[in-house]
Amino acid sequence: MLLQAAILLTALLFGGMVLYSFGFASFLFSALPADQAGPLLRRAFPHFYVFVIVCALVGSALTVTIDMASALILGLIAVTALLARQILMPAINGATDRGNRSRFGILHTGSVLVTLAHIVGSSAVILRLAT
């Protein structure tokens, strides 16, 4: 039962990150003008990171007795999501507010890479736990 719960929770984490990153964010910019989509996305991101942190922490706790590598991967996802929420996201918002497009581009690229790493990490955990 613990294994199944860990797989389902990690699948929820994976699916939520993919949907948010490739679905919700791109939908907003296609459905709304950029001056409306940007602020809405800015308001949504803290909640996204809380979702990632909570799912990854609970997943790590569920897997610690099943597969230590999976627990470590999920723990790393939680820690880096916390850092992204508390440090990277405010820096991105600050660059946007100051109109510093080059700094925004660098920081946003970093944020995208962190999220892609989270997606890859959570998929690796699903595959590890499913075999």
C-alpha atoms as a PDB file:
ATOM      1  CA  MET A   1       0.000   0.000   0.000  1.00  0.00           C
ATOM      2  CA  LEU A   2       2.880   2.382   0.780  1.00  0.00           C
ATOM      3  CA  LEU A   3       4.463   1.719  -2.612  1.00  0.00           C
ATOM      4  CA  GLN A   4       1.221   2.395  -4.463  1.00  0.00           C
ATOM      5  CA  ALA A   5       0.675   5.628  -2.517  1.00  0.00           C
ATOM      6  CA  ALA A   6       4.227   6.738  -3.324  1.00  0.00           C
ATOM      7  CA  ILE A   7       3.748   6.011  -7.027  1.00  0.00           C
ATOM      8  CA  LEU A   8       0.416   7.843  -7.158  1.00  0.00           C
ATOM      9  CA  LEU A   9       1.735  10.865  -5.284  1.00  0.00           C
ATOM     10  CA  THR A  10       4.818  11.077  -7.484  1.00  0.00           C
ATOM     11  CA  ALA A  11       2.606  10.723 -10.565  1.00  0.00           C
ATOM     12  CA  LEU A  12       0.477  13.599  -9.229  1.00  0.00           C
ATOM     13  CA  LEU A  13       3.647  15.655  -8.771  1.00  0.00           C
ATOM     14  CA  PHE A  14       4.856  14.833 -12.289  1.00  0.00           C
ATOM     15  CA  GLY A  15       1.476  15.504 -13.896  1.00  0.00           C
ATOM     16  CA  GLY A  16       0.947  18.732 -11.984  1.00  0.00           C
ATOM     17  CA  MET A  17       4.321  20.088 -13.011  1.00  0.00           C
ATOM     18  CA  VAL A  18       3.833  19.138 -16.660  1.00  0.00           C
ATOM     19  CA  LEU A  19       0.315  20.563 -16.772  1.00  0.00           C
ATOM     20  CA  TYR A  20       1.318  23.809 -15.089  1.00  0.00           C
ATOM     21  CA  SER A  21       4.493  24.307 -17.117  1.00  0.00           C
ATOM     22  CA  PHE A  22       3.297  23.310 -20.557  1.00  0.00           C
ATOM     23  CA  GLY A  23      -0.456  23.748 -20.250  1.00  0.00           C
ATOM     24  CA  PHE A  24      -1.525  26.462 -17.849  1.00  0.00           C
ATOM     25  CA  ALA A  25       1.309  28.926 -18.452  1.00  0.00           C
ATOM     26  CA  SER A  26       1.153  28.696 -22.239  1.00  0.00           C
ATOM     27  CA  PHE A  27      -2.657  28.813 -22.164  1.00  0.00           C
ATOM     28  CA  LEU A  28      -2.608  32.046 -20.181  1.00  0.00           C
ATOM     29  CA  PHE A  29      -0.356  33.761 -22.691  1.00  0.00           C
ATOM     30  CA  SER A  30      -2.488  32.547 -25.606  1.00  0.00           C
ATOM     31  CA  ALA A  31      -5.809  33.484 -23.956  1.00  0.00           C
ATOM     32  CA  LEU A  32      -4.887  36.819 -22.389  1.00  0.00           C
ATOM     33  CA  PRO A  33      -2.791  39.821 -23.365  1.00  0.00           C
ATOM     34  CA  ALA A  34       0.728  39.648 -21.910  1.00  0.00           C
ATOM     35  CA  ASP A  35       0.040  42.542 -19.540  1.00  0.00           C
ATOM     36  CA  GLN A  36      -2.758  40.463 -17.953  1.00  0.00           C
ATOM     37  CA  ALA A  37      -1.251  36.982 -18.265  1.00  0.00           C
ATOM     38  CA  GLY A  38       2.047  37.942 -16.613  1.00  0.00           C
ATOM     39  CA  PRO A  39       0.586  39.243 -13.345  1.00  0.00           C
ATOM     40  CA  LEU A  40      -1.830  36.302 -13.138  1.00  0.00           C
ATOM     41  CA  LEU A  41       1.003  33.849 -13.631  1.00  0.00           C
ATOM     42  CA  ARG A  42       3.045  35.705 -11.005  1.00  0.00           C
ATOM     43  CA  ARG A  43       0.200  35.208  -8.508  1.00  0.00           C
ATOM     44  CA  ALA A  44      -0.097  31.512  -9.352  1.00  0.00           C
ATOM     45  CA  PHE A  45       3.589  30.588  -9.059  1.00  0.00           C
ATOM     46  CA  PRO A  46       3.835  30.632  -5.237  1.00  0.00           C
ATOM     47  CA  HIS A  47       0.964  28.111  -5.106  1.00  0.00           C
ATOM     48  CA  PHE A  48       2.636  25.965  -7.751  1.00  0.00           C
ATOM     49  CA  TYR A  49       5.817  25.813  -5.706  1.00  0.00           C
ATOM     50  CA  VAL A  50       3.910  24.924  -2.516  1.00  0.00           C
ATOM     51  CA  PHE A  51       2.266  22.077  -4.442  1.00  0.00           C
ATOM     52  CA  VAL A  52       5.672  20.823  -5.623  1.00  0.00           C
ATOM     53  CA  ILE A  53       7.255  21.155  -2.171  1.00  0.00           C
ATOM     54  CA  VAL A  54       4.439  19.345  -0.354  1.00  0.00           C
ATOM     55  CA  CYS A  55       4.102  16.531  -2.896  1.00  0.00           C
ATOM     56  CA  ALA A  56       7.862  15.999  -3.030  1.00  0.00           C
ATOM     57  CA  LEU A  57       8.261  16.027   0.770  1.00  0.00           C
ATOM     58  CA  VAL A  58       5.409  13.598   1.349  1.00  0.00           C
ATOM     59  CA  GLY A  59       6.655  11.445  -1.517  1.00  0.00           C
ATOM     60  CA  SER A  60      10.127  11.437  -0.012  1.00  0.00           C
ATOM     61  CA  ALA A  61       8.728  10.356   3.351  1.00  0.00           C
ATOM     62  CA  LEU A  62       6.706   7.584   1.712  1.00  0.00           C
ATOM     63  CA  THR A  63       9.666   6.232  -0.233  1.00  0.00           C
ATOM     64  CA  VAL A  64      12.377   6.448   2.423  1.00  0.00           C
ATOM     65  CA  THR A  65      11.840   2.820   3.505  1.00  0.00           C
ATOM     66  CA  ILE A  66      11.176   1.573  -0.032  1.00  0.00           C
ATOM     67  CA  ASP A  67      13.896   3.138  -2.164  1.00  0.00           C
ATOM     68  CA  MET A  68      16.434   5.536  -0.703  1.00  0.00           C
ATOM     69  CA  ALA A  69      17.427   6.914  -4.132  1.00  0.00           C
ATOM     70  CA  SER A  70      13.811   7.877  -4.837  1.00  0.00           C
ATOM     71  CA  ALA A  71      13.515   9.474  -1.402  1.00  0.00           C
ATOM     72  CA  LEU A  72      16.663  11.503  -2.065  1.00  0.00           C
ATOM     73  CA  ILE A  73      15.488  12.615  -5.509  1.00  0.00           C
ATOM     74  CA  LEU A  74      12.137  13.735  -4.122  1.00  0.00           C
ATOM     75  CA  GLY A  75      13.845  15.440  -1.190  1.00  0.00           C
ATOM     76  CA  LEU A  76      16.112  17.292  -3.610  1.00  0.00           C
ATOM     77  CA  ILE A  77      13.081  18.366  -5.636  1.00  0.00           C
ATOM     78  CA  ALA A  78      11.473  19.742  -2.453  1.00  0.00           C
ATOM     79  CA  VAL A  79      14.600  21.657  -1.409  1.00  0.00           C
ATOM     80  CA  THR A  80      15.249  23.153  -4.825  1.00  0.00           C
ATOM     81  CA  ALA A  81      11.574  24.085  -5.228  1.00  0.00           C
ATOM     82  CA  LEU A  82      11.766  25.874  -1.887  1.00  0.00           C
ATOM     83  CA  LEU A  83      14.870  27.744  -3.059  1.00  0.00           C
ATOM     84  CA  ALA A  84      13.179  28.589  -6.343  1.00  0.00           C
ATOM     85  CA  ARG A  85      10.117  29.903  -4.514  1.00  0.00           C
ATOM     86  CA  GLN A  86      11.993  31.936  -1.940  1.00  0.00           C
ATOM     87  CA  ILE A  87      15.000  33.171  -3.937  1.00  0.00           C
ATOM     88  CA  LEU A  88      14.650  32.664  -7.690  1.00  0.00           C
ATOM     89  CA  MET A  89      11.016  33.723  -8.058  1.00  0.00           C
ATOM     90  CA  PRO A  90      11.466  37.044  -6.193  1.00  0.00           C
ATOM     91  CA  ALA A  91      14.586  37.738  -8.289  1.00  0.00           C
ATOM     92  CA  ILE A  92      12.623  37.082 -11.495  1.00  0.00           C
ATOM     93  CA  ASN A  93       9.823  39.365 -10.308  1.00  0.00           C
ATOM     94  CA  GLY A  94      12.343  42.065  -9.386  1.00  0.00           C
ATOM     95  CA  ALA A  95      13.967  41.912 -12.805  1.00  0.00           C
ATOM     96  CA  THR A  96      10.536  42.185 -14.413  1.00  0.00           C
ATOM     97  CA  ASP A  97       9.570  45.146 -12.218  1.00  0.00           C
ATOM     98  CA  ARG A  98      12.810  46.953 -13.094  1.00  0.00           C
ATOM     99  CA  GLY A  99      12.412  46.201 -16.794  1.00  0.00           C
ATOM    100  CA  ASN A 100      15.740  44.360 -16.829  1.00  0.00           C
ATOM    101  CA  ARG A 101      14.991  42.000 -19.710  1.00  0.00           C
ATOM    102  CA  SER A 102      18.440  40.413 -19.885  1.00  0.00           C
ATOM    103  CA  ARG A 103      18.463  39.533 -16.171  1.00  0.00           C
ATOM    104  CA  PHE A 104      14.874  38.301 -16.474  1.00  0.00           C
ATOM    105  CA  GLY A 105      15.880  36.075 -19.395  1.00  0.00           C
ATOM    106  CA  ILE A 106      18.755  34.515 -17.488  1.00  0.00           C
ATOM    107  CA  LEU A 107      16.719  33.967 -14.324  1.00  0.00           C
ATOM    108  CA  HIS A 108      13.686  32.681 -16.209  1.00  0.00           C
ATOM    109  CA  THR A 109      15.864  30.227 -18.112  1.00  0.00           C
ATOM    110  CA  GLY A 110      17.218  29.024 -14.766  1.00  0.00           C
ATOM    111  CA  SER A 111      13.674  28.592 -13.485  1.00  0.00           C
ATOM    112  CA  VAL A 112      12.699  26.599 -16.565  1.00  0.00           C
ATOM    113  CA  LEU A 113      15.762  24.371 -16.177  1.00  0.00           C
ATOM    114  CA  VAL A 114      14.961  23.752 -12.507  1.00  0.00           C
ATOM    115  CA  THR A 115      11.398  22.770 -13.403  1.00  0.00           C
ATOM    116  CA  LEU A 116      12.584  20.505 -16.212  1.00  0.00           C
ATOM    117  CA  ALA A 117      14.988  18.846 -13.771  1.00  0.00           C
ATOM    118  CA  HIS A 118      12.079  18.344 -11.364  1.00  0.00           C
ATOM    119  CA  ILE A 119      10.009  16.751 -14.117  1.00  0.00           C
ATOM    120  CA  VAL A 120      12.869  14.447 -15.096  1.00  0.00           C
ATOM    121  CA  GLY A 121      13.542  13.590 -11.445  1.00  0.00           C
ATOM    122  CA  SER A 122       9.928  12.773 -10.676  1.00  0.00           C
ATOM    123  CA  SER A 123       9.646  10.635 -13.819  1.00  0.00           C
ATOM    124  CA  ALA A 124      12.787   8.750 -12.753  1.00  0.00           C
ATOM    125  CA  VAL A 125      11.172   8.081  -9.367  1.00  0.00           C
ATOM    126  CA  ILE A 126       7.972   6.808 -10.991  1.00  0.00           C
ATOM    127  CA  LEU A 127      10.000   4.446 -13.181  1.00  0.00           C
ATOM    128  CA  ARG A 128      12.134   3.271 -10.238  1.00  0.00           C
ATOM    129  CA  LEU A 129       9.115   2.588  -8.065  1.00  0.00           C
ATOM    130  CA  ALA A 130       7.094   0.925 -10.828  1.00  0.00           C
ATOM    131  CA  THR A 131       9.751  -1.707 -11.509  1.00  0.00           C
END
